[in-house]
Amino acid sequence: MTRDLAPPNLAARIDALQATIVALEKQIGRAGREQLKANVLSETQADLLAAAIESLRAAEERHATEIVADRQRVHAAVSDARLAVSRAMFPAIDGLDEAIRAGRATLGHAARRESADALLRRLLLGTSESDAHREVDALHAALDAWLGGLAMVRRRMLDALAAEGVTTIEAKGQTFDPRHHIAVEVVAANVSSGTVLQEIRRGFVVGTRVLRHAEVSVAGTLQQ
């Protein structure tokens, strides 16, 4: 049946149906284009979001690295400052060592001179032997107490250094080690050549790092 032969109402329905189909096609076309745009926009936004996340992650990693580097710099600066303070204490400890050595030598000399001094006082001053001994004993006690005070101060200073990881170098009785010792004199002695006889000045280390070599006297002839 052709359109011309169709009833009027059927022709109208066909026209309306065709118009509806055309309209639907247009709507579908527009919807497709809109969906395409939406898909493209969604993909672009996803890419932008991923790029933003990656940028934040990289920034966070840089920030974490900078924090670690800052902490390391601060730690190194603090360590250097503490070592500087420790080194500044070395001369004071040297002075205490020297004072204690001199004081002990004085006590030794005083003990050897005691009898002669007591006799001289009795002869010249008329003091009794017991009075002379009391005077000498009082002098010895005072000097001994003074040396004990110096030794306590030295011990506290060495303890303060040890708290910072700074320790003294073993010297007397050890085999000479050029990594830790400096020989300032060589002395003939009835011990193995190269044995450290006396520590003249203390040496200090922190870990395996030598802050100051120990100055020592050594037995025999050192091998070059």
C-alpha atoms as a PDB file:
ATOM      1  CA  MET A   1       0.000   0.000   0.000  1.00  0.00           C
ATOM      2  CA  THR A   2       1.397   3.391  -0.938  1.00  0.00           C
ATOM      3  CA  ARG A   3       1.117   6.607   1.073  1.00  0.00           C
ATOM      4  CA  ASP A   4      -1.419   7.940  -1.445  1.00  0.00           C
ATOM      5  CA  LEU A   5      -3.621   4.886  -0.952  1.00  0.00           C
ATOM      6  CA  ALA A   6      -3.366   4.891   2.885  1.00  0.00           C
ATOM      7  CA  PRO A   7      -6.235   6.248   4.923  1.00  0.00           C
ATOM      8  CA  PRO A   8      -5.801   9.877   5.989  1.00  0.00           C
ATOM      9  CA  ASN A   9      -5.427   9.014   9.666  1.00  0.00           C
ATOM     10  CA  LEU A  10      -2.768   6.362   8.947  1.00  0.00           C
ATOM     11  CA  ALA A  11      -0.740   8.795   6.832  1.00  0.00           C
ATOM     12  CA  ALA A  12      -0.813  11.289   9.667  1.00  0.00           C
ATOM     13  CA  ARG A  13       0.374   8.652  12.096  1.00  0.00           C
ATOM     14  CA  ILE A  14       3.232   7.703   9.774  1.00  0.00           C
ATOM     15  CA  ASP A  15       4.242  11.345   9.470  1.00  0.00           C
ATOM     16  CA  ALA A  16       4.112  11.776  13.214  1.00  0.00           C
ATOM     17  CA  LEU A  17       6.103   8.592  13.722  1.00  0.00           C
ATOM     18  CA  GLN A  18       8.731   9.716  11.240  1.00  0.00           C
ATOM     19  CA  ALA A  19       8.920  13.091  12.944  1.00  0.00           C
ATOM     20  CA  THR A  20       9.310  11.357  16.277  1.00  0.00           C
ATOM     21  CA  ILE A  21      12.073   9.161  14.867  1.00  0.00           C
ATOM     22  CA  VAL A  22      13.891  12.199  13.472  1.00  0.00           C
ATOM     23  CA  ALA A  23      13.543  13.962  16.798  1.00  0.00           C
ATOM     24  CA  LEU A  24      14.849  10.907  18.646  1.00  0.00           C
ATOM     25  CA  GLU A  25      17.784  10.668  16.277  1.00  0.00           C
ATOM     26  CA  LYS A  26      18.593  14.291  16.955  1.00  0.00           C
ATOM     27  CA  GLN A  27      18.280  13.759  20.699  1.00  0.00           C
ATOM     28  CA  ILE A  28      20.425  10.646  20.521  1.00  0.00           C
ATOM     29  CA  GLY A  29      22.989  12.560  18.478  1.00  0.00           C
ATOM     30  CA  ARG A  30      23.027  15.395  20.970  1.00  0.00           C
ATOM     31  CA  ALA A  31      23.183  12.946  23.877  1.00  0.00           C
ATOM     32  CA  GLY A  32      26.062  11.137  22.229  1.00  0.00           C
ATOM     33  CA  ARG A  33      27.929  14.372  21.670  1.00  0.00           C
ATOM     34  CA  GLU A  34      27.253  15.455  25.260  1.00  0.00           C
ATOM     35  CA  GLN A  35      28.410  12.067  26.546  1.00  0.00           C
ATOM     36  CA  LEU A  36      31.528  12.320  24.439  1.00  0.00           C
ATOM     37  CA  LYS A  37      32.189  15.751  25.854  1.00  0.00           C
ATOM     38  CA  ALA A  38      31.537  14.422  29.347  1.00  0.00           C
ATOM     39  CA  ASN A  39      33.887  11.513  28.781  1.00  0.00           C
ATOM     40  CA  VAL A  40      36.606  13.806  27.471  1.00  0.00           C
ATOM     41  CA  LEU A  41      36.065  16.188  30.369  1.00  0.00           C
ATOM     42  CA  SER A  42      36.116  13.320  32.846  1.00  0.00           C
ATOM     43  CA  GLU A  43      39.355  11.968  31.395  1.00  0.00           C
ATOM     44  CA  THR A  44      40.902  15.437  31.486  1.00  0.00           C
ATOM     45  CA  GLN A  45      39.851  15.921  35.092  1.00  0.00           C
ATOM     46  CA  ALA A  46      41.202  12.492  35.977  1.00  0.00           C
ATOM     47  CA  ASP A  47      44.514  13.354  34.340  1.00  0.00           C
ATOM     48  CA  LEU A  48      44.632  16.691  36.151  1.00  0.00           C
ATOM     49  CA  LEU A  49      43.797  14.979  39.456  1.00  0.00           C
ATOM     50  CA  ALA A  50      46.489  12.351  38.910  1.00  0.00           C
ATOM     51  CA  ALA A  51      49.010  15.067  38.036  1.00  0.00           C
ATOM     52  CA  ALA A  52      48.027  17.027  41.155  1.00  0.00           C
ATOM     53  CA  ILE A  53      48.383  13.923  43.349  1.00  0.00           C
ATOM     54  CA  GLU A  54      51.785  13.148  41.847  1.00  0.00           C
ATOM     55  CA  SER A  55      52.887  16.749  42.387  1.00  0.00           C
ATOM     56  CA  LEU A  56      51.787  16.605  46.041  1.00  0.00           C
ATOM     57  CA  ARG A  57      53.544  13.271  46.524  1.00  0.00           C
ATOM     58  CA  ALA A  58      56.775  14.638  45.015  1.00  0.00           C
ATOM     59  CA  ALA A  59      56.496  17.768  47.169  1.00  0.00           C
ATOM     60  CA  GLU A  60      55.967  15.635  50.269  1.00  0.00           C
ATOM     61  CA  GLU A  61      59.014  13.515  49.431  1.00  0.00           C
ATOM     62  CA  ARG A  62      61.125  16.656  48.906  1.00  0.00           C
ATOM     63  CA  HIS A  63      59.855  18.043  52.196  1.00  0.00           C
ATOM     64  CA  ALA A  64      60.689  14.803  54.015  1.00  0.00           C
ATOM     65  CA  THR A  65      64.170  14.784  52.443  1.00  0.00           C
ATOM     66  CA  GLU A  66      64.720  18.392  53.472  1.00  0.00           C
ATOM     67  CA  ILE A  67      63.635  17.604  57.031  1.00  0.00           C
ATOM     68  CA  VAL A  68      66.114  14.707  57.217  1.00  0.00           C
ATOM     69  CA  ALA A  69      68.879  16.908  55.768  1.00  0.00           C
ATOM     70  CA  ASP A  70      68.053  19.712  58.233  1.00  0.00           C
ATOM     71  CA  ARG A  71      68.146  17.268  61.143  1.00  0.00           C
ATOM     72  CA  GLN A  72      71.483  15.935  59.966  1.00  0.00           C
ATOM     73  CA  ARG A  73      72.890  19.467  59.643  1.00  0.00           C
ATOM     74  CA  VAL A  74      71.632  20.388  63.112  1.00  0.00           C
ATOM     75  CA  HIS A  75      73.035  17.173  64.567  1.00  0.00           C
ATOM     76  CA  ALA A  76      76.400  17.795  62.900  1.00  0.00           C
ATOM     77  CA  ALA A  77      76.446  21.405  64.134  1.00  0.00           C
ATOM     78  CA  VAL A  78      75.619  20.324  67.682  1.00  0.00           C
ATOM     79  CA  SER A  79      78.266  17.592  67.557  1.00  0.00           C
ATOM     80  CA  ASP A  80      80.881  20.057  66.297  1.00  0.00           C
ATOM     81  CA  ALA A  81      79.937  22.533  69.040  1.00  0.00           C
ATOM     82  CA  ARG A  82      80.208  19.837  71.706  1.00  0.00           C
ATOM     83  CA  LEU A  83      83.592  18.732  70.389  1.00  0.00           C
ATOM     84  CA  ALA A  84      84.755  22.352  70.414  1.00  0.00           C
ATOM     85  CA  VAL A  85      83.737  22.620  74.076  1.00  0.00           C
ATOM     86  CA  SER A  86      85.463  19.313  74.795  1.00  0.00           C
ATOM     87  CA  ARG A  87      88.695  20.502  73.151  1.00  0.00           C
ATOM     88  CA  ALA A  88      88.527  23.691  75.199  1.00  0.00           C
ATOM     89  CA  MET A  89      88.648  21.539  78.356  1.00  0.00           C
ATOM     90  CA  PHE A  90      91.894  19.798  77.369  1.00  0.00           C
ATOM     91  CA  PRO A  91      94.258  22.580  78.581  1.00  0.00           C
ATOM     92  CA  ALA A  92      92.448  22.742  81.932  1.00  0.00           C
ATOM     93  CA  ILE A  93      92.859  18.977  82.362  1.00  0.00           C
ATOM     94  CA  ASP A  94      96.537  19.333  81.390  1.00  0.00           C
ATOM     95  CA  GLY A  95      96.935  21.940  84.131  1.00  0.00           C
ATOM     96  CA  LEU A  96      95.313  19.669  86.694  1.00  0.00           C
ATOM     97  CA  ASP A  97      97.507  16.746  85.648  1.00  0.00           C
ATOM     98  CA  GLU A  98     100.618  18.887  85.998  1.00  0.00           C
ATOM     99  CA  ALA A  99      99.541  20.273  89.363  1.00  0.00           C
ATOM    100  CA  ILE A 100      98.821  16.784  90.706  1.00  0.00           C
ATOM    101  CA  ARG A 101     102.179  15.467  89.431  1.00  0.00           C
ATOM    102  CA  ALA A 102     103.997  18.408  90.995  1.00  0.00           C
ATOM    103  CA  GLY A 103     102.103  17.992  94.265  1.00  0.00           C
ATOM    104  CA  ARG A 104     102.923  14.304  94.477  1.00  0.00           C
ATOM    105  CA  ALA A 105     106.565  15.026  93.731  1.00  0.00           C
ATOM    106  CA  THR A 106     106.536  17.618  96.509  1.00  0.00           C
ATOM    107  CA  LEU A 107     105.089  15.079  98.934  1.00  0.00           C
ATOM    108  CA  GLY A 108     107.828  12.626  97.978  1.00  0.00           C
ATOM    109  CA  HIS A 109     110.561  15.214  98.468  1.00  0.00           C
ATOM    110  CA  ALA A 110     108.986  16.306 101.757  1.00  0.00           C
ATOM    111  CA  ALA A 111     108.981  12.732 103.022  1.00  0.00           C
ATOM    112  CA  ARG A 112     112.679  12.391 102.221  1.00  0.00           C
ATOM    113  CA  ARG A 113     113.504  15.715 103.866  1.00  0.00           C
ATOM    114  CA  GLU A 114     111.343  15.090 106.927  1.00  0.00           C
ATOM    115  CA  SER A 115     114.078  13.721 109.186  1.00  0.00           C
ATOM    116  CA  ALA A 116     116.556  16.437 108.244  1.00  0.00           C
ATOM    117  CA  ASP A 117     113.958  19.195 108.686  1.00  0.00           C
ATOM    118  CA  ALA A 118     112.890  17.855 112.066  1.00  0.00           C
ATOM    119  CA  LEU A 119     116.501  17.760 113.224  1.00  0.00           C
ATOM    120  CA  LEU A 120     117.110  21.295 111.951  1.00  0.00           C
ATOM    121  CA  ARG A 121     114.057  22.629 113.816  1.00  0.00           C
ATOM    122  CA  ARG A 122     115.142  20.995 117.036  1.00  0.00           C
ATOM    123  CA  LEU A 123     118.631  22.436 116.742  1.00  0.00           C
ATOM    124  CA  LEU A 124     117.708  25.948 115.639  1.00  0.00           C
ATOM    125  CA  LEU A 125     114.256  26.481 117.102  1.00  0.00           C
ATOM    126  CA  GLY A 126     114.345  24.208 120.060  1.00  0.00           C
ATOM    127  CA  THR A 127     111.210  22.384 119.089  1.00  0.00           C
ATOM    128  CA  SER A 128     110.668  18.851 120.253  1.00  0.00           C
ATOM    129  CA  GLU A 129     110.720  15.931 117.883  1.00  0.00           C
ATOM    130  CA  SER A 130     107.009  15.310 118.386  1.00  0.00           C
ATOM    131  CA  ASP A 131     106.196  18.961 117.600  1.00  0.00           C
ATOM    132  CA  ALA A 132     108.273  18.766 114.446  1.00  0.00           C
ATOM    133  CA  HIS A 133     106.514  15.582 113.372  1.00  0.00           C
ATOM    134  CA  ARG A 134     103.102  17.145 114.014  1.00  0.00           C
ATOM    135  CA  GLU A 135     104.007  20.157 111.885  1.00  0.00           C
ATOM    136  CA  VAL A 136     105.193  17.931 109.053  1.00  0.00           C
ATOM    137  CA  ASP A 137     102.145  15.684 109.324  1.00  0.00           C
ATOM    138  CA  ALA A 138      99.821  18.711 109.223  1.00  0.00           C
ATOM    139  CA  LEU A 139     101.597  20.009 106.128  1.00  0.00           C
ATOM    140  CA  HIS A 140     101.375  16.606 104.461  1.00  0.00           C
ATOM    141  CA  ALA A 141      97.671  16.295 105.299  1.00  0.00           C
ATOM    142  CA  ALA A 142      96.917  19.736 103.884  1.00  0.00           C
ATOM    143  CA  LEU A 143      98.831  19.037 100.682  1.00  0.00           C
ATOM    144  CA  ASP A 144      97.260  15.607 100.359  1.00  0.00           C
ATOM    145  CA  ALA A 145      93.759  17.083 100.781  1.00  0.00           C
ATOM    146  CA  TRP A 146      94.537  19.708  98.156  1.00  0.00           C
ATOM    147  CA  LEU A 147      95.727  17.037  95.718  1.00  0.00           C
ATOM    148  CA  GLY A 148      92.585  15.016  96.444  1.00  0.00           C
ATOM    149  CA  GLY A 149      90.451  18.026  95.552  1.00  0.00           C
ATOM    150  CA  LEU A 150      92.334  18.523  92.292  1.00  0.00           C
ATOM    151  CA  ALA A 151      91.953  14.845  91.448  1.00  0.00           C
ATOM    152  CA  MET A 152      88.198  15.037  92.077  1.00  0.00           C
ATOM    153  CA  VAL A 153      87.840  18.051  89.779  1.00  0.00           C
ATOM    154  CA  ARG A 154      89.880  16.256  87.105  1.00  0.00           C
ATOM    155  CA  ARG A 155      87.703  13.150  87.465  1.00  0.00           C
ATOM    156  CA  ARG A 156      84.537  15.193  87.013  1.00  0.00           C
ATOM    157  CA  MET A 157      85.929  16.861  83.908  1.00  0.00           C
ATOM    158  CA  LEU A 158      86.901  13.494  82.432  1.00  0.00           C
ATOM    159  CA  ASP A 159      83.426  12.154  83.260  1.00  0.00           C
ATOM    160  CA  ALA A 160      81.866  15.145  81.487  1.00  0.00           C
ATOM    161  CA  LEU A 161      83.986  14.387  78.417  1.00  0.00           C
ATOM    162  CA  ALA A 162      83.048  10.707  78.582  1.00  0.00           C
ATOM    163  CA  ALA A 163      79.370  11.705  78.578  1.00  0.00           C
ATOM    164  CA  GLU A 164      80.054  13.322  75.201  1.00  0.00           C
ATOM    165  CA  GLY A 165      81.810  10.183  73.940  1.00  0.00           C
ATOM    166  CA  VAL A 166      85.311  11.640  74.434  1.00  0.00           C
ATOM    167  CA  THR A 167      87.690   9.203  76.147  1.00  0.00           C
ATOM    168  CA  THR A 168      91.396   9.194  76.945  1.00  0.00           C
ATOM    169  CA  ILE A 169      93.924   7.244  74.914  1.00  0.00           C
ATOM    170  CA  GLU A 170      95.614   4.349  76.702  1.00  0.00           C
ATOM    171  CA  ALA A 171      99.315   5.107  76.792  1.00  0.00           C
ATOM    172  CA  LYS A 172     101.535   3.959  79.679  1.00  0.00           C
ATOM    173  CA  GLY A 173     102.583   0.341  79.289  1.00  0.00           C
ATOM    174  CA  GLN A 174     101.137   0.107  75.781  1.00  0.00           C
ATOM    175  CA  THR A 175     103.092  -0.549  72.605  1.00  0.00           C
ATOM    176  CA  PHE A 176     103.805   2.689  70.775  1.00  0.00           C
ATOM    177  CA  ASP A 177     101.123   3.311  68.145  1.00  0.00           C
ATOM    178  CA  PRO A 178     101.707   6.285  65.810  1.00  0.00           C
ATOM    179  CA  ARG A 179      97.967   6.460  65.164  1.00  0.00           C
ATOM    180  CA  HIS A 180      97.441   7.483  68.800  1.00  0.00           C
ATOM    181  CA  HIS A 181     100.839   8.405  70.242  1.00  0.00           C
ATOM    182  CA  ILE A 182     103.524  11.009  69.579  1.00  0.00           C
ATOM    183  CA  ALA A 183     106.976  10.141  70.955  1.00  0.00           C
ATOM    184  CA  VAL A 184     108.619  13.215  72.470  1.00  0.00           C
ATOM    185  CA  GLU A 185     111.576  11.281  73.917  1.00  0.00           C
ATOM    186  CA  VAL A 186     113.182   7.854  73.655  1.00  0.00           C
ATOM    187  CA  VAL A 187     114.609   6.406  76.870  1.00  0.00           C
ATOM    188  CA  ALA A 188     116.777   3.350  77.486  1.00  0.00           C
ATOM    189  CA  ALA A 189     114.861   0.969  79.721  1.00  0.00           C
ATOM    190  CA  ASN A 190     114.722  -2.701  80.664  1.00  0.00           C
ATOM    191  CA  VAL A 191     111.488  -3.267  78.746  1.00  0.00           C
ATOM    192  CA  SER A 192     110.624  -4.140  75.175  1.00  0.00           C
ATOM    193  CA  SER A 193     111.622  -1.524  72.647  1.00  0.00           C
ATOM    194  CA  GLY A 194     108.644   0.599  71.685  1.00  0.00           C
ATOM    195  CA  THR A 195     106.883   0.305  75.044  1.00  0.00           C
ATOM    196  CA  VAL A 196     105.386   3.558  76.296  1.00  0.00           C
ATOM    197  CA  LEU A 197     107.128   4.378  79.573  1.00  0.00           C
ATOM    198  CA  GLN A 198     105.303   7.544  80.552  1.00  0.00           C
ATOM    199  CA  GLU A 199     102.393   9.655  79.409  1.00  0.00           C
ATOM    200  CA  ILE A 200     103.574  13.257  79.240  1.00  0.00           C
ATOM    201  CA  ARG A 201     100.340  14.696  77.928  1.00  0.00           C
ATOM    202  CA  ARG A 202      96.968  12.984  77.651  1.00  0.00           C
ATOM    203  CA  GLY A 203      95.472  12.093  74.301  1.00  0.00           C
ATOM    204  CA  PHE A 204      91.764  11.984  73.529  1.00  0.00           C
ATOM    205  CA  VAL A 205      89.532  10.179  71.038  1.00  0.00           C
ATOM    206  CA  VAL A 206      85.859  10.225  70.167  1.00  0.00           C
ATOM    207  CA  GLY A 207      84.969   6.857  68.708  1.00  0.00           C
ATOM    208  CA  THR A 208      87.818   6.100  66.311  1.00  0.00           C
ATOM    209  CA  ARG A 209      88.552   9.775  65.647  1.00  0.00           C
ATOM    210  CA  VAL A 210      91.677  11.138  67.341  1.00  0.00           C
ATOM    211  CA  LEU A 211      91.073  14.583  68.822  1.00  0.00           C
ATOM    212  CA  ARG A 212      94.571  14.895  70.259  1.00  0.00           C
ATOM    213  CA  HIS A 213      97.479  12.448  70.182  1.00  0.00           C
ATOM    214  CA  ALA A 214      99.017  11.358  73.471  1.00  0.00           C
ATOM    215  CA  GLU A 215     102.552  12.672  73.983  1.00  0.00           C
ATOM    216  CA  VAL A 216     104.703   9.935  75.473  1.00  0.00           C
ATOM    217  CA  SER A 217     108.201   8.765  76.294  1.00  0.00           C
ATOM    218  CA  VAL A 218     109.132   5.435  74.715  1.00  0.00           C
ATOM    219  CA  ALA A 219     111.614   2.706  75.527  1.00  0.00           C
ATOM    220  CA  GLY A 220     114.438   1.872  73.138  1.00  0.00           C
ATOM    221  CA  THR A 221     114.796   2.957  69.529  1.00  0.00           C
ATOM    222  CA  LEU A 222     111.674   3.381  67.437  1.00  0.00           C
ATOM    223  CA  GLN A 223     111.644   1.655  64.069  1.00  0.00           C
ATOM    224  CA  GLN A 224     111.122   4.131  61.238  1.00  0.00           C
END
